[in-house]
Protein backbone atom coordinates (compact mmCIF):
# COMPACT_ATOMS: atom_id res chain seq x y z
CA UNK A 1 91.96 96.66 111.09
CA UNK A 2 95.66 96.49 110.29
CA UNK A 3 97.06 99.89 109.26
CA UNK A 4 99.70 99.89 106.52
CA UNK A 5 102.21 102.73 106.80
CA UNK A 6 103.77 104.52 103.87
CA UNK A 7 107.42 103.85 103.13
CA UNK A 8 110.16 106.07 101.73
CA UNK A 9 111.43 106.68 98.22
CA UNK A 10 113.26 103.36 98.17
CA UNK A 11 109.92 101.66 97.43
CA UNK A 12 109.00 103.78 94.41
CA UNK A 13 110.61 101.52 91.80
CA UNK A 14 109.06 98.42 93.35
CA UNK A 15 105.63 100.07 93.30
CA UNK A 16 106.12 101.09 89.68
CA UNK A 17 106.99 97.55 88.62
CA UNK A 18 103.95 96.24 90.47
CA UNK A 19 101.71 98.91 88.93
CA UNK A 20 102.86 98.08 85.42
CA UNK A 21 102.54 94.35 86.00
CA UNK A 22 98.91 94.65 87.05
CA UNK A 23 98.15 97.05 84.21
CA UNK A 24 98.10 94.03 81.93
CA UNK A 25 95.00 92.71 83.71
CA UNK A 26 92.78 94.82 81.45
CA UNK A 27 90.93 96.72 84.16
CA UNK A 28 90.37 99.76 81.94
CA UNK A 29 90.16 100.76 78.30
CA UNK A 30 92.97 102.77 76.68
CA UNK A 31 92.74 106.55 76.42
CA UNK A 32 94.77 109.70 77.02
CA UNK A 33 94.36 111.76 80.19
CA UNK A 34 93.64 115.42 79.59
CA UNK A 35 96.37 117.14 81.58
CA UNK A 36 95.22 120.24 83.44
CA UNK A 37 97.11 123.49 83.27
CA UNK A 38 99.83 123.64 85.94
CA UNK A 39 99.01 125.71 88.98
CA UNK A 40 99.57 125.67 92.71
CA UNK A 41 96.67 124.47 94.80
CA UNK A 42 96.07 126.76 97.76
CA UNK A 43 92.61 125.45 98.62
CA UNK A 44 91.97 124.66 102.30
CA UNK A 45 92.53 121.01 103.22
CA UNK A 46 91.31 119.07 106.19
CA UNK A 47 94.07 117.67 108.45
CA UNK A 48 92.12 114.84 110.05
CA UNK A 49 91.95 111.15 109.25
CA UNK A 50 94.17 109.28 106.80
CA UNK A 51 96.82 111.22 104.91
CA UNK A 52 97.65 110.18 101.34
CA UNK A 53 101.32 110.91 102.05
CA UNK A 54 104.06 113.23 100.88
CA UNK A 55 105.80 110.93 98.43
CA UNK A 56 105.14 112.34 94.94
CA UNK A 57 103.47 109.84 92.64
CA UNK A 58 102.72 107.40 95.44
CA UNK A 59 100.59 110.05 97.12
CA UNK A 60 98.64 110.60 93.91
CA UNK A 61 98.14 106.84 93.50
CA UNK A 62 96.82 106.66 97.07
CA UNK A 63 94.50 109.56 96.27
CA UNK A 64 93.12 107.57 93.34
CA UNK A 65 92.96 104.44 95.50
CA UNK A 66 90.84 106.27 98.08
CA UNK A 67 88.37 107.36 95.41
CA UNK A 68 88.20 103.89 93.89
CA UNK A 69 87.53 102.41 97.33
CA UNK A 70 84.57 104.75 97.74
CA UNK A 71 83.14 104.05 94.30
CA UNK A 72 83.56 100.29 94.65
CA UNK A 73 81.81 100.28 98.03
CA UNK A 74 78.94 102.33 96.61
CA UNK A 75 78.28 100.05 93.63
CA UNK A 76 78.60 96.90 95.73
CA UNK A 77 75.84 98.36 97.91
CA UNK A 78 73.76 99.30 94.87
CA UNK A 79 73.90 95.76 93.48
CA UNK A 80 73.12 94.24 96.87
CA UNK A 81 70.10 96.53 97.43
CA UNK A 82 68.85 97.31 93.92
CA UNK A 83 66.40 100.19 93.83
CA UNK A 84 62.71 99.71 93.11
CA UNK A 85 61.77 99.61 89.44
CA UNK A 86 65.24 98.85 88.06
CA UNK A 87 65.15 97.36 84.57
CA UNK A 88 67.11 94.27 83.63
CA UNK A 89 69.49 96.44 81.59
CA UNK A 90 70.06 98.73 84.57
CA UNK A 91 70.71 95.79 86.89
CA UNK A 92 73.20 94.25 84.44
CA UNK A 93 75.05 97.45 83.57
CA UNK A 94 75.28 98.69 87.15
CA UNK A 95 76.75 95.30 88.04
CA UNK A 96 79.30 95.83 85.24
CA UNK A 97 80.23 99.21 86.72
CA UNK A 98 80.54 97.57 90.15
CA UNK A 99 82.95 95.02 88.73
CA UNK A 100 85.03 97.74 87.03
CA UNK A 101 85.30 99.76 90.24
CA UNK A 102 86.22 96.72 92.31
CA UNK A 103 88.89 95.88 89.73
CA UNK A 104 90.24 99.44 89.90
CA UNK A 105 90.32 99.30 93.70
CA UNK A 106 92.17 96.01 93.76
CA UNK A 107 94.50 97.22 91.01
CA UNK A 108 95.69 100.16 93.10
CA UNK A 109 95.86 98.10 96.28
CA UNK A 110 98.13 95.49 94.70
CA UNK A 111 100.22 98.05 92.85
CA UNK A 112 100.85 100.15 95.97
CA UNK A 113 101.56 97.16 98.22
CA UNK A 114 102.90 98.33 101.59
CA UNK A 115 102.59 101.94 100.41
CA UNK A 116 98.79 101.72 100.27
CA UNK A 117 96.59 103.62 102.69
CA UNK A 118 94.29 101.41 104.83
CA UNK A 119 90.82 100.35 103.80
CA UNK A 120 88.32 103.17 104.24
CA UNK A 121 84.91 103.00 105.91
CA UNK A 122 82.14 104.52 103.77
CA UNK A 123 79.09 106.33 105.13
CA UNK A 124 76.15 106.18 102.72
CA UNK A 125 73.51 107.23 105.22
CA UNK A 126 72.47 110.13 102.97
CA UNK A 127 71.62 107.76 100.09
CA UNK A 128 68.28 105.94 99.86
CA UNK A 129 69.29 102.73 98.08
CA UNK A 130 65.63 101.85 97.43
CA UNK A 131 65.16 105.04 95.40
CA UNK A 132 66.24 105.20 91.75
CA UNK A 133 66.60 108.98 91.88
CA UNK A 134 68.73 108.86 95.04
CA UNK A 135 71.01 106.09 93.77
CA UNK A 136 71.52 107.51 90.30
CA UNK A 137 71.97 111.01 91.67
CA UNK A 138 74.74 109.74 93.94
CA UNK A 139 76.24 107.69 91.10
CA UNK A 140 76.31 110.80 88.90
CA UNK A 141 78.10 112.74 91.64
CA UNK A 142 80.65 109.95 92.15
CA UNK A 143 81.37 109.45 88.45
CA UNK A 144 81.57 113.15 87.53
CA UNK A 145 83.80 113.77 90.55
CA UNK A 146 86.00 110.80 89.66
CA UNK A 147 86.60 112.06 86.12
CA UNK A 148 87.34 115.59 87.31
CA UNK A 149 89.67 114.19 90.00
CA UNK A 150 91.85 112.28 87.54
CA UNK A 151 91.92 115.26 85.18
CA UNK A 152 92.79 117.64 88.00
CA UNK A 153 95.64 115.50 89.32
CA UNK A 154 97.13 114.70 85.92
CA UNK A 155 99.71 117.48 85.95
CA UNK A 156 100.99 116.29 89.34
CA UNK A 157 101.95 112.85 88.03
CA UNK A 158 105.67 112.72 87.30
CA UNK A 159 105.93 109.25 85.77
CA UNK A 160 104.84 108.89 82.15
CA UNK A 161 103.90 105.27 82.93
CA UNK A 162 101.60 106.34 85.75
CA UNK A 163 100.06 109.06 83.60
CA UNK A 164 99.26 106.56 80.85
CA UNK A 165 97.65 104.18 83.35
CA UNK A 166 95.62 106.99 84.90
CA UNK A 167 94.42 107.84 81.40
CA UNK A 168 93.25 104.28 80.87
CA UNK A 169 91.23 104.39 84.07
CA UNK A 170 89.73 107.86 83.63
CA UNK A 171 88.44 106.86 80.21
CA UNK A 172 86.40 104.08 81.84
CA UNK A 173 85.16 106.43 84.55
CA UNK A 174 83.96 108.79 81.80
CA UNK A 175 82.07 105.94 80.13
CA UNK A 176 80.37 105.25 83.47
CA UNK A 177 79.53 108.92 83.89
CA UNK A 178 77.96 109.12 80.42
CA UNK A 179 75.78 106.07 81.06
CA UNK A 180 74.59 107.27 84.47
CA UNK A 181 73.83 110.75 83.12
CA UNK A 182 71.77 109.30 80.29
CA UNK A 183 69.77 107.19 82.73
CA UNK A 184 68.88 110.32 84.66
CA UNK A 185 68.38 112.64 81.71
CA UNK A 186 68.67 111.29 78.16
CA UNK A 187 71.08 113.36 76.09
CA UNK A 188 72.95 114.81 79.08
CA UNK A 189 75.96 112.50 78.70
CA UNK A 190 78.24 115.39 77.68
CA UNK A 191 76.55 118.65 78.57
CA UNK A 192 78.04 122.00 79.59
CA UNK A 193 77.92 121.18 83.30
CA UNK A 194 80.89 118.83 82.82
CA UNK A 195 82.52 120.14 79.63
CA UNK A 196 84.30 123.45 79.11
CA UNK A 197 84.04 125.74 76.08
CA UNK A 198 86.65 123.62 74.27
CA UNK A 199 84.63 120.42 74.65
CA UNK A 200 86.99 119.06 77.31
CA UNK A 201 86.08 117.50 80.65
CA UNK A 202 86.48 119.87 83.55
CA UNK A 203 88.87 119.19 86.43
CA UNK A 204 88.87 119.69 90.20
CA UNK A 205 91.70 120.02 92.70
CA UNK A 206 92.53 117.41 95.31
CA UNK A 207 91.06 119.70 97.97
CA UNK A 208 87.78 120.07 96.09
CA UNK A 209 87.47 116.35 95.42
CA UNK A 210 88.29 115.25 98.97
CA UNK A 211 85.73 117.70 100.34
CA UNK A 212 83.10 115.84 98.30
CA UNK A 213 84.43 112.33 98.97
CA UNK A 214 84.71 112.87 102.72
CA UNK A 215 80.99 113.55 102.83
CA UNK A 216 80.53 109.84 102.09
CA UNK A 217 83.34 108.53 104.29
CA UNK A 218 83.46 107.78 108.00
CA UNK A 219 87.22 107.42 107.56
CA UNK A 220 88.26 110.87 106.37
CA UNK A 221 91.10 111.37 103.89
CA UNK A 222 93.42 114.37 103.63
CA UNK A 223 96.47 115.52 101.70
CA UNK A 224 97.98 117.84 104.31
CA UNK A 225 101.51 116.48 103.87
CA UNK A 226 101.53 116.38 100.10
CA UNK A 227 103.75 119.03 98.48
CA UNK A 228 102.18 120.64 95.42
CA UNK A 229 104.56 121.25 92.54
CA UNK A 230 104.16 124.07 90.00
CA UNK A 231 105.77 123.70 86.58
């Protein structure tokens, strides 16, 4: 596997132009990202594996790219090994989610260019892809974590353009999460386990999210070199 290294600040403008150009591909519906309250993140972070980098917005985009790689790989596997008893609607809609996640993954990869982290190797050994409960339980974890990840990283994004694009993607992830939750438990699409007292989606820090994601990755991801900024 060829490893792509991260470049310095001179590439930021080029990445931004690429990101905006591919935004027109329609990979996500429009929405507004709920920006979390600003705070320093002092949670412990693993220092092994692939680092998302220290370069401001590019590091956050690589963080999102890592999560989209994981989700895309999961849904590709789901569609290739559909669980027993899946209805035609489930097969079709899970394939739609697969296509969305693959589009998100490719979106970030093209936008980041030479700044992108390498392709990650997933480890889904804990998931029984023949079991509806196992697959949908994992899908729920991935989708809820994805939404909370975008919400938790929102305040770290410095570019208004990047923030808008993240909002467009997180809105689609939330649609996925609602559908998966309803498959598991009708009416649970927006319950108190994911919403706060103000009816807003909860957020998680980069450390919290990577701790979950790394449980499904052979190639571990860390943010040990990223500098957190408090406003």
